[in-house]
Amino acid sequence: MCTYQTEKVEIVGSGKGAQGWFALSDATVYVDHPVHAPFGHTVNIDFLNPGRGPSARVAVELTEEAAVALAEAIMKSVASAPAGIASVHQ
């Protein structure tokens, strides 16, 4: 079931699209019908830079289980790294 609940977050990072690497400034997360993945509903994550137009977007469609596993892996990875190692401001 689509909730139309969209979580938006400002981010700092880079993504690679058809035109190569570009800066990312935003991410959105929502549960909806996928465009490509062969499932009824997926957790969709869009990484984007709206200032660079529609081609500055990286999209993923994940099963709920994959999305939870990814979130857990991110939390473990960040927790196990020395403080500030992945920070832009070192």
PDB file of N, CA and C in Angstrom:
ATOM      1  N   MET A   1       0.834  -1.177   0.000  1.00  0.00           N
ATOM      2  CA  MET A   1       0.000   0.000   0.000  1.00  0.00           C
ATOM      3  C   MET A   1       0.880   1.241   0.000  1.00  0.00           C
ATOM      4  N   CYS A   2       0.554   2.187  -0.838  1.00  0.00           N
ATOM      5  CA  CYS A   2       1.315   3.436  -0.900  1.00  0.00           C
ATOM      6  C   CYS A   2       0.878   4.341   0.248  1.00  0.00           C
ATOM      7  N   THR A   3       1.832   4.889   0.943  1.00  0.00           N
ATOM      8  CA  THR A   3       1.501   5.758   2.062  1.00  0.00           C
ATOM      9  C   THR A   3       1.560   7.226   1.662  1.00  0.00           C
ATOM     10  N   TYR A   4       2.238   7.510   0.588  1.00  0.00           N
ATOM     11  CA  TYR A   4       2.493   8.883   0.140  1.00  0.00           C
ATOM     12  C   TYR A   4       3.285   9.676   1.169  1.00  0.00           C
ATOM     13  N   GLN A   5       3.809   8.984   2.181  1.00  0.00           N
ATOM     14  CA  GLN A   5       4.674   9.595   3.180  1.00  0.00           C
ATOM     15  C   GLN A   5       6.077   9.651   2.601  1.00  0.00           C
ATOM     16  N   THR A   6       6.596  10.825   2.420  1.00  0.00           N
ATOM     17  CA  THR A   6       7.934  11.004   1.864  1.00  0.00           C
ATOM     18  C   THR A   6       8.811  11.675   2.895  1.00  0.00           C
ATOM     19  N   GLU A   7       9.929  11.051   3.167  1.00  0.00           N
ATOM     20  CA  GLU A   7      10.919  11.621   4.071  1.00  0.00           C
ATOM     21  C   GLU A   7      11.983  12.291   3.215  1.00  0.00           C
ATOM     22  N   LYS A   8      12.259  13.547   3.518  1.00  0.00           N
ATOM     23  CA  LYS A   8      13.268  14.295   2.782  1.00  0.00           C
ATOM     24  C   LYS A   8      14.391  14.669   3.728  1.00  0.00           C
ATOM     25  N   VAL A   9      15.624  14.609   3.221  1.00  0.00           N
ATOM     26  CA  VAL A   9      16.772  14.956   4.043  1.00  0.00           C
ATOM     27  C   VAL A   9      17.810  15.652   3.175  1.00  0.00           C
ATOM     28  N   GLU A  10      18.413  16.696   3.736  1.00  0.00           N
ATOM     29  CA  GLU A  10      19.529  17.349   3.053  1.00  0.00           C
ATOM     30  C   GLU A  10      20.758  16.487   3.287  1.00  0.00           C
ATOM     31  N   ILE A  11      21.530  16.252   2.227  1.00  0.00           N
ATOM     32  CA  ILE A  11      22.719  15.420   2.341  1.00  0.00           C
ATOM     33  C   ILE A  11      23.906  16.116   1.683  1.00  0.00           C
ATOM     34  N   VAL A  12      25.082  15.619   1.978  1.00  0.00           N
ATOM     35  CA  VAL A  12      26.310  16.063   1.330  1.00  0.00           C
ATOM     36  C   VAL A  12      27.011  14.804   0.857  1.00  0.00           C
ATOM     37  N   GLY A  13      27.272  14.727  -0.427  1.00  0.00           N
ATOM     38  CA  GLY A  13      27.932  13.557  -0.979  1.00  0.00           C
ATOM     39  C   GLY A  13      28.014  13.664  -2.488  1.00  0.00           C
ATOM     40  N   SER A  14      28.269  12.538  -3.131  1.00  0.00           N
ATOM     41  CA  SER A  14      28.374  12.477  -4.584  1.00  0.00           C
ATOM     42  C   SER A  14      27.626  11.266  -5.091  1.00  0.00           C
ATOM     43  N   GLY A  15      27.133  11.367  -6.305  1.00  0.00           N
ATOM     44  CA  GLY A  15      26.469  10.255  -6.965  1.00  0.00           C
ATOM     45  C   GLY A  15      26.945  10.161  -8.398  1.00  0.00           C
ATOM     46  N   LYS A  16      26.793   8.983  -8.984  1.00  0.00           N
ATOM     47  CA  LYS A  16      27.218   8.799 -10.370  1.00  0.00           C
ATOM     48  C   LYS A  16      26.004   8.463 -11.214  1.00  0.00           C
ATOM     49  N   GLY A  17      25.769   9.291 -12.210  1.00  0.00           N
ATOM     50  CA  GLY A  17      24.670   9.086 -13.134  1.00  0.00           C
ATOM     51  C   GLY A  17      25.199   8.883 -14.550  1.00  0.00           C
ATOM     52  N   ALA A  18      24.314   8.977 -15.520  1.00  0.00           N
ATOM     53  CA  ALA A  18      24.682   8.773 -16.921  1.00  0.00           C
ATOM     54  C   ALA A  18      25.735   9.769 -17.402  1.00  0.00           C
ATOM     55  N   GLN A  19      25.754  10.956 -16.823  1.00  0.00           N
ATOM     56  CA  GLN A  19      26.699  11.999 -17.225  1.00  0.00           C
ATOM     57  C   GLN A  19      27.969  12.013 -16.384  1.00  0.00           C
ATOM     58  N   GLY A  20      28.120  11.034 -15.474  1.00  0.00           N
ATOM     59  CA  GLY A  20      29.286  10.979 -14.600  1.00  0.00           C
ATOM     60  C   GLY A  20      28.935  11.402 -13.185  1.00  0.00           C
ATOM     61  N   TRP A  21      29.965  11.735 -12.413  1.00  0.00           N
ATOM     62  CA  TRP A  21      29.797  12.094 -11.008  1.00  0.00           C
ATOM     63  C   TRP A  21      29.252  13.507 -10.854  1.00  0.00           C
ATOM     64  N   PHE A  22      28.424  13.691  -9.821  1.00  0.00           N
ATOM     65  CA  PHE A  22      27.885  15.017  -9.503  1.00  0.00           C
ATOM     66  C   PHE A  22      27.631  15.105  -8.009  1.00  0.00           C
ATOM     67  N   ALA A  23      27.611  16.334  -7.495  1.00  0.00           N
ATOM     68  CA  ALA A  23      27.355  16.565  -6.073  1.00  0.00           C
ATOM     69  C   ALA A  23      25.897  16.262  -5.753  1.00  0.00           C
ATOM     70  N   LEU A  24      25.661  15.674  -4.585  1.00  0.00           N
ATOM     71  CA  LEU A  24      24.304  15.419  -4.102  1.00  0.00           C
ATOM     72  C   LEU A  24      23.962  16.413  -3.006  1.00  0.00           C
ATOM     73  N   SER A  25      22.714  16.843  -2.972  1.00  0.00           N
ATOM     74  CA  SER A  25      22.279  17.785  -1.952  1.00  0.00           C
ATOM     75  C   SER A  25      21.021  17.330  -1.216  1.00  0.00           C
ATOM     76  N   ASP A  26      20.296  16.381  -1.791  1.00  0.00           N
ATOM     77  CA  ASP A  26      19.019  15.966  -1.218  1.00  0.00           C
ATOM     78  C   ASP A  26      18.814  14.466  -1.397  1.00  0.00           C
ATOM     79  N   ALA A  27      18.003  13.902  -0.510  1.00  0.00           N
ATOM     80  CA  ALA A  27      17.557  12.519  -0.656  1.00  0.00           C
ATOM     81  C   ALA A  27      16.094  12.452  -0.241  1.00  0.00           C
ATOM     82  N   THR A  28      15.345  11.611  -0.920  1.00  0.00           N
ATOM     83  CA  THR A  28      13.962  11.349  -0.539  1.00  0.00           C
ATOM     84  C   THR A  28      13.794   9.844  -0.395  1.00  0.00           C
ATOM     85  N   VAL A  29      12.981   9.449   0.575  1.00  0.00           N
ATOM     86  CA  VAL A  29      12.700   8.041   0.820  1.00  0.00           C
ATOM     87  C   VAL A  29      11.191   7.893   0.926  1.00  0.00           C
ATOM     88  N   TYR A  30      10.649   6.900   0.218  1.00  0.00           N
ATOM     89  CA  TYR A  30       9.202   6.696   0.232  1.00  0.00           C
ATOM     90  C   TYR A  30       8.880   5.270  -0.183  1.00  0.00           C
ATOM     91  N   VAL A  31       7.711   4.778   0.203  1.00  0.00           N
ATOM     92  CA  VAL A  31       7.232   3.459  -0.201  1.00  0.00           C
ATOM     93  C   VAL A  31       6.180   3.687  -1.283  1.00  0.00           C
ATOM     94  N   ASP A  32       6.382   3.019  -2.427  1.00  0.00           N
ATOM     95  CA  ASP A  32       5.478   3.239  -3.554  1.00  0.00           C
ATOM     96  C   ASP A  32       5.633   2.082  -4.540  1.00  0.00           C
ATOM     97  N   HIS A  33       4.885   2.144  -5.619  1.00  0.00           N
ATOM     98  CA  HIS A  33       5.050   1.186  -6.700  1.00  0.00           C
ATOM     99  C   HIS A  33       6.382   1.481  -7.388  1.00  0.00           C
ATOM    100  N   PRO A  34       7.185   0.455  -7.664  1.00  0.00           N
ATOM    101  CA  PRO A  34       8.452   0.698  -8.338  1.00  0.00           C
ATOM    102  C   PRO A  34       8.244   0.960  -9.831  1.00  0.00           C
ATOM    103  N   VAL A  35       9.222   1.582 -10.434  1.00  0.00           N
ATOM    104  CA  VAL A  35       9.220   1.800 -11.879  1.00  0.00           C
ATOM    105  C   VAL A  35       9.815   0.573 -12.570  1.00  0.00           C
ATOM    106  N   HIS A  36      10.859  -0.006 -11.972  1.00  0.00           N
ATOM    107  CA  HIS A  36      11.585  -1.084 -12.628  1.00  0.00           C
ATOM    108  C   HIS A  36      11.621  -2.397 -11.854  1.00  0.00           C
ATOM    109  N   ALA A  37      11.787  -2.359 -10.552  1.00  0.00           N
ATOM    110  CA  ALA A  37      11.911  -3.586  -9.751  1.00  0.00           C
ATOM    111  C   ALA A  37      10.629  -4.424  -9.860  1.00  0.00           C
ATOM    112  N   PRO A  38      10.764  -5.760  -9.908  1.00  0.00           N
ATOM    113  CA  PRO A  38       9.606  -6.639 -10.124  1.00  0.00           C
ATOM    114  C   PRO A  38       8.819  -6.962  -8.851  1.00  0.00           C
ATOM    115  N   PHE A  39       8.395  -5.933  -8.129  1.00  0.00           N
ATOM    116  CA  PHE A  39       7.647  -6.116  -6.887  1.00  0.00           C
ATOM    117  C   PHE A  39       6.448  -5.185  -6.888  1.00  0.00           C
ATOM    118  N   GLY A  40       5.468  -5.488  -6.056  1.00  0.00           N
ATOM    119  CA  GLY A  40       4.285  -4.640  -5.963  1.00  0.00           C
ATOM    120  C   GLY A  40       4.582  -3.272  -5.367  1.00  0.00           C
ATOM    121  N   HIS A  41       5.426  -3.266  -4.335  1.00  0.00           N
ATOM    122  CA  HIS A  41       5.831  -2.034  -3.664  1.00  0.00           C
ATOM    123  C   HIS A  41       7.299  -2.151  -3.279  1.00  0.00           C
ATOM    124  N   THR A  42       7.965  -1.033  -3.227  1.00  0.00           N
ATOM    125  CA  THR A  42       9.362  -1.013  -2.815  1.00  0.00           C
ATOM    126  C   THR A  42       9.624   0.226  -1.978  1.00  0.00           C
ATOM    127  N   VAL A  43      10.735   0.182  -1.260  1.00  0.00           N
ATOM    128  CA  VAL A  43      11.247   1.372  -0.586  1.00  0.00           C
ATOM    129  C   VAL A  43      12.108   2.064  -1.638  1.00  0.00           C
ATOM    130  N   ASN A  44      11.721   3.261  -2.001  1.00  0.00           N
ATOM    131  CA  ASN A  44      12.403   4.002  -3.064  1.00  0.00           C
ATOM    132  C   ASN A  44      13.238   5.111  -2.443  1.00  0.00           C
ATOM    133  N   ILE A  45      14.476   5.181  -2.894  1.00  0.00           N
ATOM    134  CA  ILE A  45      15.386   6.217  -2.413  1.00  0.00           C
ATOM    135  C   ILE A  45      15.914   6.966  -3.622  1.00  0.00           C
ATOM    136  N   ASP A  46      15.716   8.262  -3.621  1.00  0.00           N
ATOM    137  CA  ASP A  46      16.245   9.121  -4.682  1.00  0.00           C
ATOM    138  C   ASP A  46      17.309  10.020  -4.085  1.00  0.00           C
ATOM    139  N   PHE A  47      18.486   9.977  -4.660  1.00  0.00           N
ATOM    140  CA  PHE A  47      19.576  10.878  -4.299  1.00  0.00           C
ATOM    141  C   PHE A  47      19.656  11.888  -5.433  1.00  0.00           C
ATOM    142  N   LEU A  48      19.646  13.185  -5.108  1.00  0.00           N
ATOM    143  CA  LEU A  48      19.591  14.152  -6.188  1.00  0.00           C
ATOM    144  C   LEU A  48      20.227  15.489  -5.860  1.00  0.00           C
ATOM    145  N   ASN A  49      20.368  16.261  -6.920  1.00  0.00           N
ATOM    146  CA  ASN A  49      20.829  17.640  -6.830  1.00  0.00           C
ATOM    147  C   ASN A  49      19.893  18.442  -7.728  1.00  0.00           C
ATOM    148  N   PRO A  50      18.778  18.951  -7.179  1.00  0.00           N
ATOM    149  CA  PRO A  50      17.778  19.646  -7.984  1.00  0.00           C
ATOM    150  C   PRO A  50      18.333  20.819  -8.783  1.00  0.00           C
ATOM    151  N   GLY A  51      19.374  21.451  -8.285  1.00  0.00           N
ATOM    152  CA  GLY A  51      19.967  22.583  -8.982  1.00  0.00           C
ATOM    153  C   GLY A  51      20.632  22.212 -10.296  1.00  0.00           C
ATOM    154  N   ARG A  52      20.883  20.925 -10.498  1.00  0.00           N
ATOM    155  CA  ARG A  52      21.535  20.471 -11.726  1.00  0.00           C
ATOM    156  C   ARG A  52      20.564  19.849 -12.711  1.00  0.00           C
ATOM    157  N   GLY A  53      19.275  19.901 -12.430  1.00  0.00           N
ATOM    158  CA  GLY A  53      18.272  19.379 -13.353  1.00  0.00           C
ATOM    159  C   GLY A  53      17.943  17.912 -13.127  1.00  0.00           C
ATOM    160  N   PRO A  54      17.005  17.367 -13.921  1.00  0.00           N
ATOM    161  CA  PRO A  54      16.508  16.014 -13.706  1.00  0.00           C
ATOM    162  C   PRO A  54      17.532  14.903 -13.936  1.00  0.00           C
ATOM    163  N   SER A  55      18.599  15.163 -14.670  1.00  0.00           N
ATOM    164  CA  SER A  55      19.593  14.115 -14.898  1.00  0.00           C
ATOM    165  C   SER A  55      20.518  13.926 -13.703  1.00  0.00           C
ATOM    166  N   ALA A  56      20.500  14.845 -12.746  1.00  0.00           N
ATOM    167  CA  ALA A  56      21.341  14.730 -11.553  1.00  0.00           C
ATOM    168  C   ALA A  56      20.566  13.987 -10.472  1.00  0.00           C
ATOM    169  N   ARG A  57      20.283  12.705 -10.756  1.00  0.00           N
ATOM    170  CA  ARG A  57      19.463  11.875  -9.864  1.00  0.00           C
ATOM    171  C   ARG A  57      19.943  10.442  -9.946  1.00  0.00           C
ATOM    172  N   VAL A  58      20.040   9.810  -8.792  1.00  0.00           N
ATOM    173  CA  VAL A  58      20.318   8.382  -8.704  1.00  0.00           C
ATOM    174  C   VAL A  58      19.167   7.788  -7.908  1.00  0.00           C
ATOM    175  N   ALA A  59      18.474   6.821  -8.488  1.00  0.00           N
ATOM    176  CA  ALA A  59      17.313   6.230  -7.834  1.00  0.00           C
ATOM    177  C   ALA A  59      17.553   4.755  -7.558  1.00  0.00           C
ATOM    178  N   VAL A  60      17.046   4.273  -6.414  1.00  0.00           N
ATOM    179  CA  VAL A  60      17.080   2.848  -6.103  1.00  0.00           C
ATOM    180  C   VAL A  60      15.702   2.406  -5.627  1.00  0.00           C
ATOM    181  N   GLU A  61      15.349   1.182  -5.947  1.00  0.00           N
ATOM    182  CA  GLU A  61      14.101   0.575  -5.517  1.00  0.00           C
ATOM    183  C   GLU A  61      14.467  -0.720  -4.793  1.00  0.00           C
ATOM    184  N   LEU A  62      14.166  -0.798  -3.499  1.00  0.00           N
ATOM    185  CA  LEU A  62      14.579  -1.924  -2.671  1.00  0.00           C
ATOM    186  C   LEU A  62      13.378  -2.611  -2.032  1.00  0.00           C
ATOM    187  N   THR A  63      13.505  -3.917  -1.827  1.00  0.00           N
ATOM    188  CA  THR A  63      12.493  -4.590  -1.024  1.00  0.00           C
ATOM    189  C   THR A  63      12.598  -4.045   0.401  1.00  0.00           C
ATOM    190  N   GLU A  64      11.564  -4.235   1.183  1.00  0.00           N
ATOM    191  CA  GLU A  64      11.594  -3.777   2.572  1.00  0.00           C
ATOM    192  C   GLU A  64      12.757  -4.415   3.321  1.00  0.00           C
ATOM    193  N   GLU A  65      12.974  -5.709   3.099  1.00  0.00           N
ATOM    194  CA  GLU A  65      14.062  -6.414   3.775  1.00  0.00           C
ATOM    195  C   GLU A  65      15.423  -5.843   3.371  1.00  0.00           C
ATOM    196  N   ALA A  66      15.594  -5.565   2.090  1.00  0.00           N
ATOM    197  CA  ALA A  66      16.862  -5.002   1.620  1.00  0.00           C
ATOM    198  C   ALA A  66      17.076  -3.602   2.178  1.00  0.00           C
ATOM    199  N   ALA A  67      16.015  -2.805   2.256  1.00  0.00           N
ATOM    200  CA  ALA A  67      16.133  -1.446   2.790  1.00  0.00           C
ATOM    201  C   ALA A  67      16.529  -1.470   4.264  1.00  0.00           C
ATOM    202  N   VAL A  68      15.932  -2.367   5.038  1.00  0.00           N
ATOM    203  CA  VAL A  68      16.264  -2.477   6.456  1.00  0.00           C
ATOM    204  C   VAL A  68      17.705  -2.968   6.616  1.00  0.00           C
ATOM    205  N   ALA A  69      18.104  -3.960   5.820  1.00  0.00           N
ATOM    206  CA  ALA A  69      19.478  -4.466   5.888  1.00  0.00           C
ATOM    207  C   ALA A  69      20.476  -3.372   5.515  1.00  0.00           C
ATOM    208  N   LEU A  70      20.153  -2.573   4.513  1.00  0.00           N
ATOM    209  CA  LEU A  70      21.027  -1.467   4.118  1.00  0.00           C
ATOM    210  C   LEU A  70      21.135  -0.442   5.241  1.00  0.00           C
ATOM    211  N   ALA A  71      20.015  -0.068   5.854  1.00  0.00           N
ATOM    212  CA  ALA A  71      20.038   0.898   6.959  1.00  0.00           C
ATOM    213  C   ALA A  71      20.876   0.367   8.123  1.00  0.00           C
ATOM    214  N   GLU A  72      20.732  -0.909   8.437  1.00  0.00           N
ATOM    215  CA  GLU A  72      21.518  -1.510   9.519  1.00  0.00           C
ATOM    216  C   GLU A  72      23.006  -1.525   9.169  1.00  0.00           C
ATOM    217  N   ALA A  73      23.337  -1.849   7.919  1.00  0.00           N
ATOM    218  CA  ALA A  73      24.735  -1.875   7.486  1.00  0.00           C
ATOM    219  C   ALA A  73      25.354  -0.483   7.549  1.00  0.00           C
ATOM    220  N   ILE A  74      24.590   0.531   7.172  1.00  0.00           N
ATOM    221  CA  ILE A  74      25.085   1.913   7.250  1.00  0.00           C
ATOM    222  C   ILE A  74      25.358   2.278   8.701  1.00  0.00           C
ATOM    223  N   MET A  75      24.424   1.972   9.588  1.00  0.00           N
ATOM    224  CA  MET A  75      24.599   2.298  11.006  1.00  0.00           C
ATOM    225  C   MET A  75      25.815   1.575  11.595  1.00  0.00           C
ATOM    226  N   LYS A  76      25.999   0.292  11.263  1.00  0.00           N
ATOM    227  CA  LYS A  76      27.156  -0.463  11.757  1.00  0.00           C
ATOM    228  C   LYS A  76      28.457   0.128  11.236  1.00  0.00           C
ATOM    229  N   SER A  77      28.472   0.444   9.955  1.00  0.00           N
ATOM    230  CA  SER A  77      29.682   0.983   9.337  1.00  0.00           C
ATOM    231  C   SER A  77      30.079   2.312   9.959  1.00  0.00           C
ATOM    232  N   VAL A  78      29.116   3.197  10.145  1.00  0.00           N
ATOM    233  CA  VAL A  78      29.390   4.502  10.744  1.00  0.00           C
ATOM    234  C   VAL A  78      29.815   4.337  12.203  1.00  0.00           C
ATOM    235  N   ALA A  79      29.150   3.455  12.932  1.00  0.00           N
ATOM    236  CA  ALA A  79      29.472   3.249  14.345  1.00  0.00           C
ATOM    237  C   ALA A  79      30.873   2.656  14.546  1.00  0.00           C
ATOM    238  N   SER A  80      31.324   1.863  13.594  1.00  0.00           N
ATOM    239  CA  SER A  80      32.628   1.214  13.769  1.00  0.00           C
ATOM    240  C   SER A  80      33.796   2.051  13.258  1.00  0.00           C
ATOM    241  N   ALA A  81      33.529   3.121  12.527  1.00  0.00           N
ATOM    242  CA  ALA A  81      34.597   3.982  12.001  1.00  0.00           C
ATOM    243  C   ALA A  81      35.052   4.955  13.087  1.00  0.00           C
ATOM    244  N   PRO A  82      36.329   5.305  13.088  1.00  0.00           N
ATOM    245  CA  PRO A  82      36.789   6.328  14.040  1.00  0.00           C
ATOM    246  C   PRO A  82      36.014   7.635  13.829  1.00  0.00           C
ATOM    247  N   ALA A  83      35.732   8.326  14.893  1.00  0.00           N
ATOM    248  CA  ALA A  83      34.960   9.575  14.825  1.00  0.00           C
ATOM    249  C   ALA A  83      35.572  10.539  13.820  1.00  0.00           C
ATOM    250  N   GLY A  84      34.728  11.056  12.936  1.00  0.00           N
ATOM    251  CA  GLY A  84      35.163  12.074  11.991  1.00  0.00           C
ATOM    252  C   GLY A  84      35.873  11.573  10.751  1.00  0.00           C
ATOM    253  N   ILE A  85      36.115  10.257  10.638  1.00  0.00           N
ATOM    254  CA  ILE A  85      36.894   9.757   9.500  1.00  0.00           C
ATOM    255  C   ILE A  85      36.183   9.983   8.171  1.00  0.00           C
ATOM    256  N   ALA A  86      34.861   9.906   8.157  1.00  0.00           N
ATOM    257  CA  ALA A  86      34.114  10.085   6.918  1.00  0.00           C
ATOM    258  C   ALA A  86      33.554  11.487   6.775  1.00  0.00           C
ATOM    259  N   SER A  87      33.933  12.358   7.661  1.00  0.00           N
ATOM    260  CA  SER A  87      33.391  13.713   7.656  1.00  0.00           C
ATOM    261  C   SER A  87      34.030  14.575   6.572  1.00  0.00           C
ATOM    262  N   VAL A  88      33.240  15.433   5.995  1.00  0.00           N
ATOM    263  CA  VAL A  88      33.741  16.390   5.009  1.00  0.00           C
ATOM    264  C   VAL A  88      34.629  17.415   5.693  1.00  0.00           C
ATOM    265  N   HIS A  89      34.315  17.737   6.942  1.00  0.00           N
ATOM    266  CA  HIS A  89      35.025  18.771   7.689  1.00  0.00           C
ATOM    267  C   HIS A  89      36.017  18.122   8.644  1.00  0.00           C
ATOM    268  N   GLN A  90      37.196  17.808   8.171  1.00  0.00           N
ATOM    269  CA  GLN A  90      38.200  17.159   9.027  1.00  0.00           C
ATOM    270  C   GLN A  90      39.204  18.163   9.518  1.00  0.00           C
TER     271      GLN A  90
END
